[in-house]
Amino acid sequence: MDEREGQIDLGAQELAHAPLVATRVIPVEPPSLRDNTALAERLARAVSRDLGLTQVHVPLSVAGGLSDLGFGANDRFQVAVSKGTDTGRIVSVAPPGDRAAGYGLAVDVGSTTLVLALVDLERPCVIDRFSLTNPQMAHGADILTRAHFAERPGGLETLTRELREAINRGLAVICERQALEPGQLVAGAVAGNTAMTHFLLGLSLRTLIREPYIPVVNRPEGLTAGRLGLNLAPEAPVLVMPNKGAYLGGDLMAGVVVSGMARSDGLGLLVDVGTNAEVVLGQRDWLVGAAGAAGPALEGGVVRMGMIAGPGAIDRVRIDRETKTIKYRTIEDRPPKGICGSGLIDLFAEMFLSGLLDFQGKLTIPPGHPRRLETDDGPAFIVVTGAETENGEPILLSEIEVDLLTRSKAGMYTIISTVVQSVGLTVDQIDRFFVAGTFGQYIDPRMAVAVGMVPDLPLDRFVSLGNSSLQGAILTLISSDARSEVSEIWQKMTYLEMNVNQDLMNRFSAARFLPHTNRNRFPSVGTTIA
């Protein structure tokens, strides 16, 4: 499945359809002088009988509205129920025909962008989706800056409020487009990295950013929309994907579910490049996860003309090997205004393969060359002239930025190779290499191999998952198998702490060349990749 509008193929995922909240039209016996059972108890009895549950709880917030519904002869009600093994909890009660009673909200809580999907829990399908910028960006583009802001008086409260309000704004937009009221939605699922999950829950990051890097909570449970300040039905359960460590978040847990690697006998490796590079290796019997610094430069966060993937971002670059002519593509074919992560990797690889960069990442074109510009930061390569860009300023890549890209690609390759070697395996044994996130949606694996960012594997082993964080949240809304799998993944995963891994540092030094100091690890570079 993907997160766009349309039917969700659970068969392809080998997951059973069983939504987090089930909606049923249930007859309720009217009260009488002979049967003066209270309305809430009467409703609970009817639900228990209809769904075969031993006990059903009616929250006070739901019970408070029952007297307005009327309980006449032959009355039937549309009841949304959150079911356990043999118990249930009523989320909402409405007259029959309330079209929103079976809807839920899935949210990818990214540090840069929030993506929401309106999901029909019963059909099941995605009805609508909407994205907006995370307002916390105003307090820092990176998580660490926000974490320090959160330690100021009122800082954490500000970040939590802004995040919740942004989700509610996105929800309001979707509901207005679909002629719904937000309070009619009966379930939610959220996936994000560990820091974003803490911000959403209003939890301090103090122990998260200091040794030994411990979250306040890994498995938040028993949450409702009302408790989180989200404008769904107040009693709507909200499933928040669990974290496994300070830098291994619920977004990666969601990705593992979407990839299916935890249900496979083959060896899979999942990479999600965001604030950090997060990696999971394994199969149905075991999983190992780790994370480390590799994301910011690849997201464009430390490149002057870098930007997140969006209209006007260069996402593809090709350089003619003989003439050195540059061809590029921008998202939505807009005039270029920057370059996103996949475009940076393309540019980086193409410059190396074309001989514009040497194996140390230094420019080979001489002073005076029309593509070379001397700047305050040293020599730079002119990717796009000012005459072609949206703002009239040229898009450049300096040697200093090349060095940052080299460090990032080395960090990513080193994390991957360290995780693989930690379990006594080699990278050529990886059967499926999953790449998640916006970065994975656009990246050309050939280019990533060319600069030594990912292992030199056959191209048919690379699988782009797109926004697997959102997809995983959607799956947990509609499938009990997916929800069970999240718990199983959490239980079986071993988290490797990379901040104190000396082997990683040694391997990092070896990977800071193009593609690597050991060219035998990248046999296709210079042959099939040319």
Protein backbone atom coordinates (compact mmCIF):
# COMPACT_ATOMS: atom_id res chain seq x y z
CA MET A 1 0.00 0.00 0.00
CA ASP A 2 0.98 3.65 -0.18
CA GLU A 3 -0.34 6.63 1.74
CA ARG A 4 -2.21 8.21 -1.16
CA GLU A 5 -5.99 8.19 -1.38
CA GLY A 6 -7.50 4.85 -2.22
CA GLN A 7 -8.15 1.31 -1.13
CA ILE A 8 -5.57 -0.38 1.11
CA ASP A 9 -4.44 -3.82 0.01
CA LEU A 10 -3.94 -5.67 3.28
CA GLY A 11 -3.62 -8.95 1.40
CA ALA A 12 -0.32 -7.80 -0.04
CA GLN A 13 0.84 -7.08 3.51
CA GLU A 14 -0.46 -10.43 4.81
CA LEU A 15 -2.35 -8.57 7.53
CA ALA A 16 -5.89 -9.18 8.74
CA HIS A 17 -8.44 -6.36 8.72
CA ALA A 18 -9.43 -5.57 12.32
CA PRO A 19 -9.61 -1.83 13.07
CA LEU A 20 -8.43 -0.22 16.29
CA VAL A 21 -12.02 0.93 16.79
CA ALA A 22 -14.94 -1.04 15.33
CA THR A 23 -18.23 0.64 14.46
CA ARG A 24 -21.49 -1.28 14.66
CA VAL A 25 -25.19 -0.43 14.50
CA ILE A 26 -26.60 -2.10 17.61
CA PRO A 27 -30.23 -2.36 18.85
CA VAL A 28 -30.77 -1.27 22.44
CA GLU A 29 -33.82 -2.27 24.48
CA PRO A 30 -35.82 0.77 25.62
CA PRO A 31 -36.09 1.43 29.36
CA SER A 32 -39.38 0.71 31.14
CA LEU A 33 -40.81 0.51 34.63
CA ARG A 34 -40.08 -3.21 34.54
CA ASP A 35 -36.48 -2.68 33.46
CA ASN A 36 -35.01 0.48 34.95
CA THR A 37 -31.39 -0.31 34.07
CA ALA A 38 -29.38 2.90 33.63
CA LEU A 39 -28.76 4.10 30.10
CA ALA A 40 -25.00 3.48 30.20
CA GLU A 41 -25.43 0.00 31.62
CA ARG A 42 -28.19 -0.72 29.12
CA LEU A 43 -25.91 0.32 26.26
CA ALA A 44 -22.99 -1.72 27.65
CA ARG A 45 -25.23 -4.78 27.92
CA ALA A 46 -26.36 -4.46 24.31
CA VAL A 47 -22.79 -4.01 23.05
CA SER A 48 -21.56 -6.98 25.11
CA ARG A 49 -24.26 -9.19 23.68
CA ASP A 50 -23.77 -8.05 20.10
CA LEU A 51 -19.96 -8.30 20.06
CA GLY A 52 -19.57 -11.25 22.42
CA LEU A 53 -17.64 -9.31 25.07
CA THR A 54 -17.59 -10.14 28.76
CA GLN A 55 -17.29 -6.53 29.89
CA VAL A 56 -17.85 -3.14 28.25
CA HIS A 57 -16.84 0.17 29.80
CA VAL A 58 -18.77 3.37 29.08
CA PRO A 59 -16.62 6.45 29.89
CA LEU A 60 -18.34 9.27 31.71
CA SER A 61 -17.82 11.64 28.79
CA VAL A 62 -19.80 9.25 26.58
CA ALA A 63 -22.45 8.49 29.20
CA GLY A 64 -23.10 12.21 29.61
CA GLY A 65 -24.61 12.46 26.14
CA LEU A 66 -26.81 9.36 26.22
CA SER A 67 -29.90 11.09 27.60
CA ASP A 68 -29.98 13.34 24.52
CA LEU A 69 -30.22 10.38 22.15
CA GLY A 70 -33.53 8.99 23.36
CA PHE A 71 -34.10 5.29 23.99
CA GLY A 72 -37.44 4.49 22.38
CA ALA A 73 -38.81 1.23 21.04
CA ASN A 74 -36.73 -0.34 18.25
CA ASP A 75 -33.96 2.20 18.75
CA ARG A 76 -30.63 1.40 17.17
CA PHE A 77 -27.39 3.28 17.68
CA GLN A 78 -24.12 3.53 15.83
CA VAL A 79 -21.55 2.59 18.44
CA ALA A 80 -17.78 2.88 18.08
CA VAL A 81 -16.01 0.36 20.32
CA SER A 82 -12.36 -0.11 21.13
CA LYS A 83 -12.04 -3.86 21.64
CA GLY A 84 -9.65 -5.90 23.71
CA THR A 85 -9.53 -9.68 23.83
CA ASP A 86 -12.88 -10.02 25.57
CA THR A 87 -13.53 -6.51 26.83
CA GLY A 88 -14.52 -3.28 25.15
CA ARG A 89 -14.57 0.47 25.70
CA ILE A 90 -17.17 2.67 24.03
CA VAL A 91 -15.63 5.60 22.20
CA SER A 92 -18.73 7.29 20.83
CA VAL A 93 -22.45 6.77 20.28
CA ALA A 94 -24.42 8.36 17.44
CA PRO A 95 -27.66 7.87 15.55
CA PRO A 96 -27.43 5.38 12.66
CA GLY A 97 -26.02 6.79 9.47
CA ASP A 98 -23.31 9.02 10.95
CA ARG A 99 -20.82 8.65 8.10
CA ALA A 100 -17.81 9.72 10.19
CA ALA A 101 -18.28 7.15 12.92
CA GLY A 102 -15.84 4.75 11.27
CA TYR A 103 -13.04 7.21 10.51
CA GLY A 104 -9.62 7.59 12.08
CA LEU A 105 -6.56 9.80 11.74
CA ALA A 106 -2.98 8.68 11.04
CA VAL A 107 -0.15 11.15 11.62
CA ASP A 108 3.52 11.15 10.67
CA VAL A 109 5.07 13.56 13.17
CA GLY A 110 8.22 14.61 11.36
CA SER A 111 10.67 17.13 12.74
CA THR A 112 10.25 19.21 9.56
CA THR A 113 6.84 18.23 8.18
CA LEU A 114 3.63 16.80 9.63
CA VAL A 115 1.62 14.52 7.33
CA LEU A 116 -1.96 13.52 8.17
CA ALA A 117 -4.20 10.90 6.57
CA LEU A 118 -7.96 10.48 7.04
CA VAL A 119 -8.68 6.75 7.08
CA ASP A 120 -11.95 4.86 6.65
CA LEU A 121 -11.45 2.09 9.19
CA GLU A 122 -14.13 -0.20 7.85
CA ARG A 123 -13.57 -0.31 4.09
CA PRO A 124 -10.48 0.24 4.65
CA CYS A 125 -9.08 3.10 2.59
CA VAL A 126 -7.36 6.46 2.79
CA ILE A 127 -9.91 9.22 2.14
CA ASP A 128 -7.70 12.30 2.21
CA ARG A 129 -4.28 13.49 3.28
CA PHE A 130 -2.68 16.81 4.17
CA SER A 131 0.79 18.04 5.10
CA LEU A 132 2.03 21.16 6.84
CA THR A 133 5.29 22.51 8.21
CA ASN A 134 6.11 21.59 11.79
CA PRO A 135 5.83 24.96 13.63
CA GLN A 136 8.64 23.92 15.97
CA MET A 137 11.01 24.81 13.12
CA ALA A 138 10.80 28.38 14.42
CA HIS A 139 12.69 27.24 17.52
CA GLY A 140 15.37 25.30 15.67
CA ALA A 141 15.73 23.24 12.51
CA ASP A 142 17.42 20.45 14.46
CA ILE A 143 16.15 18.45 17.42
CA LEU A 144 19.04 19.37 19.72
CA THR A 145 18.31 23.10 19.44
CA ARG A 146 14.65 22.44 20.25
CA ALA A 147 15.63 20.21 23.16
CA HIS A 148 17.64 23.07 24.67
CA PHE A 149 14.74 25.47 24.02
CA ALA A 150 12.50 23.02 25.89
CA GLU A 151 14.66 23.44 29.00
CA ARG A 152 13.89 27.15 29.21
CA PRO A 153 10.97 28.18 31.45
CA GLY A 154 7.80 27.37 29.52
CA GLY A 155 9.79 26.01 26.57
CA LEU A 156 8.53 22.43 26.68
CA GLU A 157 4.95 23.60 27.10
CA THR A 158 5.35 25.86 24.05
CA LEU A 159 6.72 23.09 21.84
CA THR A 160 4.02 20.63 22.94
CA ARG A 161 1.22 23.15 22.42
CA GLU A 162 2.49 24.17 18.98
CA LEU A 163 2.75 20.57 17.84
CA ARG A 164 -0.71 19.60 19.03
CA GLU A 165 -2.26 22.76 17.59
CA ALA A 166 -0.62 22.08 14.22
CA ILE A 167 -2.06 18.55 14.13
CA ASN A 168 -5.46 20.00 14.97
CA ARG A 169 -5.13 22.59 12.19
CA GLY A 170 -4.32 19.88 9.68
CA LEU A 171 -7.23 17.80 10.96
CA ALA A 172 -9.58 20.77 10.57
CA VAL A 173 -8.50 21.25 6.95
CA ILE A 174 -9.11 17.60 6.08
CA CYS A 175 -12.46 17.52 7.84
CA GLU A 176 -13.63 20.71 6.16
CA ARG A 177 -12.75 19.25 2.76
CA GLN A 178 -14.72 16.10 3.60
CA ALA A 179 -17.69 17.85 5.32
CA LEU A 180 -16.89 16.22 8.67
CA GLU A 181 -16.48 17.39 12.24
CA PRO A 182 -13.12 16.49 13.85
CA GLY A 183 -14.89 15.31 16.99
CA GLN A 184 -16.59 12.57 14.98
CA LEU A 185 -13.34 10.70 14.32
CA VAL A 186 -12.96 7.71 16.63
CA ALA A 187 -9.29 6.61 16.49
CA GLY A 188 -5.78 7.94 15.97
CA ALA A 189 -2.31 6.56 15.33
CA VAL A 190 0.91 8.56 15.48
CA ALA A 191 4.46 7.73 14.39
CA GLY A 192 7.54 9.88 14.93
CA ASN A 193 11.09 9.78 16.17
CA THR A 194 11.74 9.55 19.89
CA ALA A 195 12.18 13.28 20.38
CA MET A 196 9.01 14.22 18.49
CA THR A 197 7.05 11.61 20.44
CA HIS A 198 8.29 13.15 23.68
CA PHE A 199 7.28 16.63 22.51
CA LEU A 200 3.79 15.37 21.60
CA LEU A 201 3.40 13.75 25.01
CA GLY A 202 4.75 16.79 26.84
CA LEU A 203 7.77 14.88 28.19
CA SER A 204 11.18 16.36 28.91
CA LEU A 205 14.11 15.54 26.66
CA ARG A 206 16.62 16.17 29.43
CA THR A 207 17.72 12.54 29.75
CA LEU A 208 17.34 11.93 26.03
CA ILE A 209 20.15 14.28 24.99
CA ARG A 210 22.61 13.48 27.78
CA GLU A 211 24.60 10.35 28.46
CA PRO A 212 23.41 7.61 28.83
CA TYR A 213 20.67 8.87 26.42
CA ILE A 214 17.55 7.39 28.01
CA PRO A 215 13.97 8.25 26.98
CA VAL A 216 11.38 9.03 29.64
CA VAL A 217 9.11 6.38 28.16
CA ASN A 218 9.41 3.93 25.29
CA ARG A 219 5.92 2.47 25.15
CA PRO A 220 3.22 5.07 25.85
CA GLU A 221 -0.08 3.30 26.44
CA GLY A 222 -3.69 4.06 27.35
CA LEU A 223 -3.72 7.39 25.53
CA THR A 224 -6.86 9.13 24.31
CA ALA A 225 -7.37 12.16 22.09
CA GLY A 226 -8.77 14.12 25.02
CA ARG A 227 -5.66 13.52 27.13
CA LEU A 228 -3.39 14.58 24.27
CA GLY A 229 -5.37 17.69 23.37
CA LEU A 230 -6.25 16.38 19.92
CA ASN A 231 -9.64 17.27 18.48
CA LEU A 232 -10.86 13.76 17.70
CA ALA A 233 -13.65 12.24 19.80
CA PRO A 234 -12.37 12.80 23.37
CA GLU A 235 -12.37 9.06 24.15
CA ALA A 236 -10.79 8.08 20.82
CA PRO A 237 -7.79 5.83 21.53
CA VAL A 238 -4.54 7.20 20.12
CA LEU A 239 -1.86 4.62 19.42
CA VAL A 240 1.62 6.16 19.61
CA MET A 241 4.33 4.01 18.03
CA PRO A 242 6.87 2.91 20.64
CA ASN A 243 10.52 3.94 20.67
CA LYS A 244 13.36 1.52 21.22
CA GLY A 245 15.94 4.07 22.29
CA ALA A 246 16.93 7.70 22.22
CA TYR A 247 17.60 7.66 18.48
CA LEU A 248 15.49 4.70 17.34
CA GLY A 249 11.94 5.94 17.18
CA GLY A 250 8.41 4.90 16.41
CA ASP A 251 8.77 6.06 12.81
CA LEU A 252 11.31 3.29 12.28
CA MET A 253 9.05 0.75 14.01
CA ALA A 254 6.37 1.75 11.52
CA GLY A 255 8.83 1.26 8.67
CA VAL A 256 9.65 -2.27 9.81
CA VAL A 257 5.95 -3.15 9.74
CA VAL A 258 5.50 -1.71 6.25
CA SER A 259 8.60 -3.46 4.88
CA GLY A 260 7.42 -6.87 6.12
CA MET A 261 11.01 -7.74 7.00
CA ALA A 262 9.98 -9.02 10.44
CA ARG A 263 7.73 -11.56 8.68
CA SER A 264 10.39 -12.73 6.23
CA ASP A 265 12.96 -15.52 6.28
CA GLY A 266 15.27 -13.41 4.11
CA LEU A 267 17.67 -10.86 5.55
CA GLY A 268 16.38 -7.30 5.28
CA LEU A 269 17.94 -3.95 6.07
CA LEU A 270 15.89 -0.78 6.50
CA VAL A 271 17.41 2.70 6.37
CA ASP A 272 15.52 5.90 7.20
CA VAL A 273 17.46 9.13 6.65
CA GLY A 274 16.14 12.12 8.56
CA THR A 275 17.65 13.97 11.48
CA ASN A 276 19.85 10.87 11.82
CA ALA A 277 20.38 7.75 9.77
CA GLU A 278 18.38 5.00 11.45
CA VAL A 279 19.04 1.38 10.54
CA VAL A 280 17.32 -1.92 11.29
CA LEU A 281 18.72 -5.29 10.21
CA GLY A 282 17.07 -8.66 10.58
CA GLN A 283 14.25 -11.04 9.72
CA ARG A 284 11.40 -12.88 11.43
CA ASP A 285 13.55 -14.33 14.25
CA TRP A 286 15.69 -11.33 15.23
CA LEU A 287 16.16 -7.60 14.67
CA VAL A 288 19.04 -5.24 15.45
CA GLY A 289 18.68 -1.48 15.29
CA ALA A 290 21.03 1.50 15.51
CA ALA A 291 21.19 5.18 14.64
CA GLY A 292 23.88 7.79 14.12
CA ALA A 293 24.64 11.17 12.60
CA ALA A 294 24.31 11.09 8.81
CA GLY A 295 21.07 12.87 8.04
CA PRO A 296 21.46 16.67 8.28
CA ALA A 297 23.77 17.16 5.31
CA LEU A 298 21.71 14.78 3.19
CA GLU A 299 18.56 16.71 4.09
CA GLY A 300 20.26 19.90 2.95
CA GLY A 301 20.44 21.17 6.51
CA VAL A 302 24.14 22.12 6.32
CA VAL A 303 24.38 22.94 2.60
CA ARG A 304 23.74 26.61 1.85
CA MET A 305 21.48 25.92 -1.11
CA GLY A 306 20.03 22.78 0.42
CA MET A 307 16.29 22.43 1.03
CA ILE A 308 13.72 19.81 1.82
CA ALA A 309 12.03 18.08 -1.12
CA GLY A 310 9.41 20.46 -2.48
CA PRO A 311 8.47 22.55 -5.55
CA GLY A 312 11.58 24.02 -7.15
CA ALA A 313 13.99 21.63 -5.45
CA ILE A 314 16.50 19.95 -7.74
CA ASP A 315 15.97 16.24 -7.18
CA ARG A 316 17.95 14.79 -10.08
CA VAL A 317 21.28 15.70 -11.69
CA ARG A 318 23.20 14.18 -14.59
CA ILE A 319 26.59 15.32 -15.96
CA ASP A 320 27.87 14.35 -19.40
CA ARG A 321 31.14 12.51 -18.93
CA GLU A 322 32.82 14.17 -21.94
CA THR A 323 31.39 17.68 -22.19
CA LYS A 324 30.65 18.10 -18.45
CA THR A 325 27.23 19.52 -19.44
CA ILE A 326 24.80 19.49 -16.53
CA LYS A 327 21.18 18.42 -16.81
CA TYR A 328 18.85 18.64 -13.83
CA ARG A 329 15.22 18.13 -12.88
CA THR A 330 13.19 20.07 -10.33
CA ILE A 331 10.11 18.94 -8.42
CA GLU A 332 6.98 20.13 -10.26
CA ASP A 333 9.29 21.49 -13.01
CA ARG A 334 9.57 24.84 -11.21
CA PRO A 335 12.58 27.16 -11.66
CA PRO A 336 15.31 25.86 -9.33
CA LYS A 337 15.63 27.47 -5.92
CA GLY A 338 17.69 24.85 -4.09
CA ILE A 339 18.66 21.21 -4.04
CA CYS A 340 17.18 18.43 -1.89
CA GLY A 341 18.80 15.30 -0.49
CA SER A 342 18.39 13.06 -3.52
CA GLY A 343 19.62 15.84 -5.79
CA LEU A 344 22.67 16.33 -3.60
CA ILE A 345 23.55 12.65 -3.82
CA ASP A 346 23.09 12.73 -7.60
CA LEU A 347 25.28 15.82 -7.89
CA PHE A 348 27.91 14.40 -5.55
CA ALA A 349 28.08 11.11 -7.47
CA GLU A 350 27.97 12.66 -10.93
CA MET A 351 30.79 15.10 -10.09
CA PHE A 352 32.91 12.18 -8.89
CA LEU A 353 32.08 9.92 -11.83
CA SER A 354 32.75 12.79 -14.26
CA GLY A 355 36.14 13.52 -12.75
CA LEU A 356 35.12 16.91 -11.30
CA LEU A 357 35.92 15.59 -7.82
CA ASP A 358 38.84 13.40 -6.84
CA PHE A 359 38.63 10.51 -4.37
CA GLN A 360 39.22 12.94 -1.49
CA GLY A 361 36.30 15.14 -2.52
CA LYS A 362 38.45 17.98 -3.88
CA LEU A 363 37.52 19.95 -7.02
CA THR A 364 39.69 19.05 -10.00
CA ILE A 365 38.64 21.95 -12.23
CA PRO A 366 41.28 24.69 -12.29
CA PRO A 367 40.92 28.36 -11.29
CA GLY A 368 39.30 30.35 -14.09
CA HIS A 369 37.08 27.47 -15.21
CA PRO A 370 33.52 28.76 -15.96
CA ARG A 371 32.07 26.27 -13.47
CA ARG A 372 34.45 27.24 -10.65
CA LEU A 373 33.84 30.18 -8.32
CA GLU A 374 36.14 31.41 -5.57
CA THR A 375 34.10 32.23 -2.46
CA ASP A 376 34.81 33.23 1.13
CA ASP A 377 34.47 29.53 1.96
CA GLY A 378 36.95 28.49 -0.71
CA PRO A 379 36.39 27.10 -4.21
CA ALA A 380 32.85 26.15 -5.23
CA PHE A 381 31.22 24.41 -8.17
CA ILE A 382 28.47 26.30 -10.02
CA VAL A 383 25.61 23.84 -10.33
CA VAL A 384 23.07 26.28 -11.80
CA THR A 385 23.78 29.83 -12.92
CA GLY A 386 21.82 32.73 -11.49
CA ALA A 387 20.11 33.27 -14.83
CA GLU A 388 18.28 29.96 -14.38
CA THR A 389 17.24 30.10 -10.71
CA GLU A 390 14.08 31.44 -9.13
CA ASN A 391 15.82 34.19 -7.17
CA GLY A 392 18.63 35.01 -9.58
CA GLU A 393 21.31 33.62 -7.29
CA PRO A 394 23.51 30.76 -8.52
CA ILE A 395 23.27 27.38 -6.84
CA LEU A 396 26.74 26.40 -5.64
CA LEU A 397 28.43 23.45 -3.99
CA SER A 398 31.61 24.37 -2.15
CA GLU A 399 34.48 22.08 -1.20
CA ILE A 400 33.53 22.60 2.44
CA GLU A 401 30.02 21.35 1.68
CA VAL A 402 31.46 18.43 -0.25
CA ASP A 403 33.42 17.54 2.87
CA LEU A 404 30.20 17.64 4.92
CA LEU A 405 28.50 15.40 2.38
CA THR A 406 31.46 13.05 2.50
CA ARG A 407 31.17 12.86 6.28
CA SER A 408 27.44 12.17 6.03
CA LYS A 409 27.79 9.45 3.44
CA ALA A 410 30.64 7.93 5.46
CA GLY A 411 28.49 8.03 8.57
CA MET A 412 25.64 6.23 6.85
CA TYR A 413 27.82 3.53 5.30
CA THR A 414 29.65 3.06 8.60
CA ILE A 415 26.44 2.61 10.57
CA ILE A 416 25.21 0.05 8.05
CA SER A 417 28.46 -1.91 7.96
CA THR A 418 28.86 -1.79 11.76
CA VAL A 419 25.36 -3.16 12.35
CA VAL A 420 25.87 -5.93 9.76
CA GLN A 421 29.26 -6.93 11.16
CA SER A 422 27.99 -6.84 14.74
CA VAL A 423 25.94 -9.98 14.01
CA GLY A 424 28.70 -11.75 12.08
CA LEU A 425 27.29 -11.14 8.60
CA THR A 426 28.45 -9.35 5.46
CA VAL A 427 26.58 -6.77 3.40
CA ASP A 428 26.32 -9.05 0.36
CA GLN A 429 24.02 -11.30 2.41
CA ILE A 430 21.31 -8.60 2.50
CA ASP A 431 18.33 -9.81 0.43
CA ARG A 432 16.29 -6.60 0.56
CA PHE A 433 17.59 -3.09 1.20
CA PHE A 434 14.63 -0.89 2.17
CA VAL A 435 14.94 2.90 1.99
CA ALA A 436 12.27 4.89 3.84
CA GLY A 437 11.15 8.50 3.95
CA THR A 438 11.08 11.30 1.38
CA PHE A 439 14.79 10.75 0.85
CA GLY A 440 14.16 7.13 -0.10
CA GLN A 441 11.30 8.11 -2.40
CA TYR A 442 13.56 10.16 -4.69
CA ILE A 443 17.06 8.71 -4.25
CA ASP A 444 18.69 6.83 -7.12
CA PRO A 445 20.44 3.84 -5.48
CA ARG A 446 23.07 3.79 -8.25
CA MET A 447 24.21 7.25 -7.20
CA ALA A 448 24.23 6.32 -3.52
CA VAL A 449 26.43 3.33 -4.37
CA ALA A 450 28.74 5.47 -6.52
CA VAL A 451 29.76 7.68 -3.59
CA GLY A 452 29.93 4.80 -1.13
CA MET A 453 26.89 5.76 0.92
CA VAL A 454 25.20 2.34 0.70
CA PRO A 455 26.64 -1.13 -0.05
CA ASP A 456 27.29 -2.12 -3.66
CA LEU A 457 24.35 -4.51 -4.06
CA PRO A 458 22.38 -5.52 -7.17
CA LEU A 459 19.86 -2.78 -7.91
CA ASP A 460 16.89 -5.16 -7.71
CA ARG A 461 17.54 -5.55 -3.98
CA PHE A 462 16.79 -1.88 -3.28
CA VAL A 463 13.17 -1.11 -2.35
CA SER A 464 11.80 2.41 -1.82
CA LEU A 465 9.10 2.51 0.86
CA GLY A 466 8.09 6.16 0.60
CA ASN A 467 6.58 7.62 3.78
CA SER A 468 6.64 4.38 5.77
CA SER A 469 6.10 6.31 9.01
CA LEU A 470 2.63 7.38 7.86
CA GLN A 471 1.95 4.03 6.17
CA GLY A 472 2.77 2.18 9.39
CA ALA A 473 0.44 4.41 11.38
CA ILE A 474 -2.33 3.70 8.87
CA LEU A 475 -1.77 -0.05 9.12
CA THR A 476 -2.00 -0.02 12.91
CA LEU A 477 -5.31 1.81 12.65
CA ILE A 478 -6.88 -0.89 10.52
CA SER A 479 -5.14 -4.15 11.40
CA SER A 480 -4.79 -6.02 14.69
CA ASP A 481 -1.97 -8.00 13.07
CA ALA A 482 -0.06 -4.78 12.51
CA ARG A 483 -0.62 -3.70 16.10
CA SER A 484 0.56 -7.06 17.40
CA GLU A 485 3.56 -6.92 15.10
CA VAL A 486 4.62 -3.53 16.49
CA SER A 487 4.73 -5.10 19.96
CA GLU A 488 6.64 -8.13 18.68
CA ILE A 489 9.13 -5.94 16.83
CA TRP A 490 9.74 -3.92 19.97
CA GLN A 491 10.27 -7.08 22.02
CA LYS A 492 12.70 -8.78 19.64
CA MET A 493 14.75 -5.74 18.60
CA THR A 494 18.21 -5.22 20.09
CA TYR A 495 19.32 -1.60 20.16
CA LEU A 496 23.01 -0.89 19.52
CA GLU A 497 24.30 2.34 21.07
CA MET A 498 26.55 4.00 18.49
CA ASN A 499 27.69 6.97 20.56
CA VAL A 500 30.26 4.83 22.37
CA ASN A 501 31.22 2.45 19.53
CA GLN A 502 34.97 2.68 18.81
CA ASP A 503 34.76 0.25 15.88
CA LEU A 504 32.36 2.64 14.20
CA MET A 505 34.85 5.51 14.50
CA ASN A 506 37.61 3.42 12.93
CA ARG A 507 35.37 2.40 10.03
CA PHE A 508 34.20 5.99 9.60
CA SER A 509 37.74 7.14 8.84
CA ALA A 510 38.09 4.49 6.13
CA ALA A 511 34.76 5.52 4.56
CA ARG A 512 35.69 9.20 4.16
CA PHE A 513 36.89 8.69 0.61
CA LEU A 514 35.05 8.19 -2.69
CA PRO A 515 33.68 5.62 -2.72
CA HIS A 516 35.87 4.05 0.01
CA THR A 517 39.53 3.41 0.81
CA ASN A 518 38.86 -0.22 -0.10
CA ARG A 519 37.66 -0.03 -3.71
CA ASN A 520 37.03 -3.79 -3.71
CA ARG A 521 33.87 -3.06 -1.71
CA PHE A 522 32.45 -1.15 -4.68
CA PRO A 523 33.27 -3.20 -7.79
CA SER A 524 30.47 -1.66 -9.90
CA VAL A 525 31.76 1.92 -9.51
CA GLY A 526 33.61 2.80 -12.68
CA THR A 527 32.20 -0.20 -14.54
CA THR A 528 28.43 -0.61 -14.56
CA ILE A 529 28.15 2.78 -12.85
CA ALA A 530 29.99 5.11 -15.18
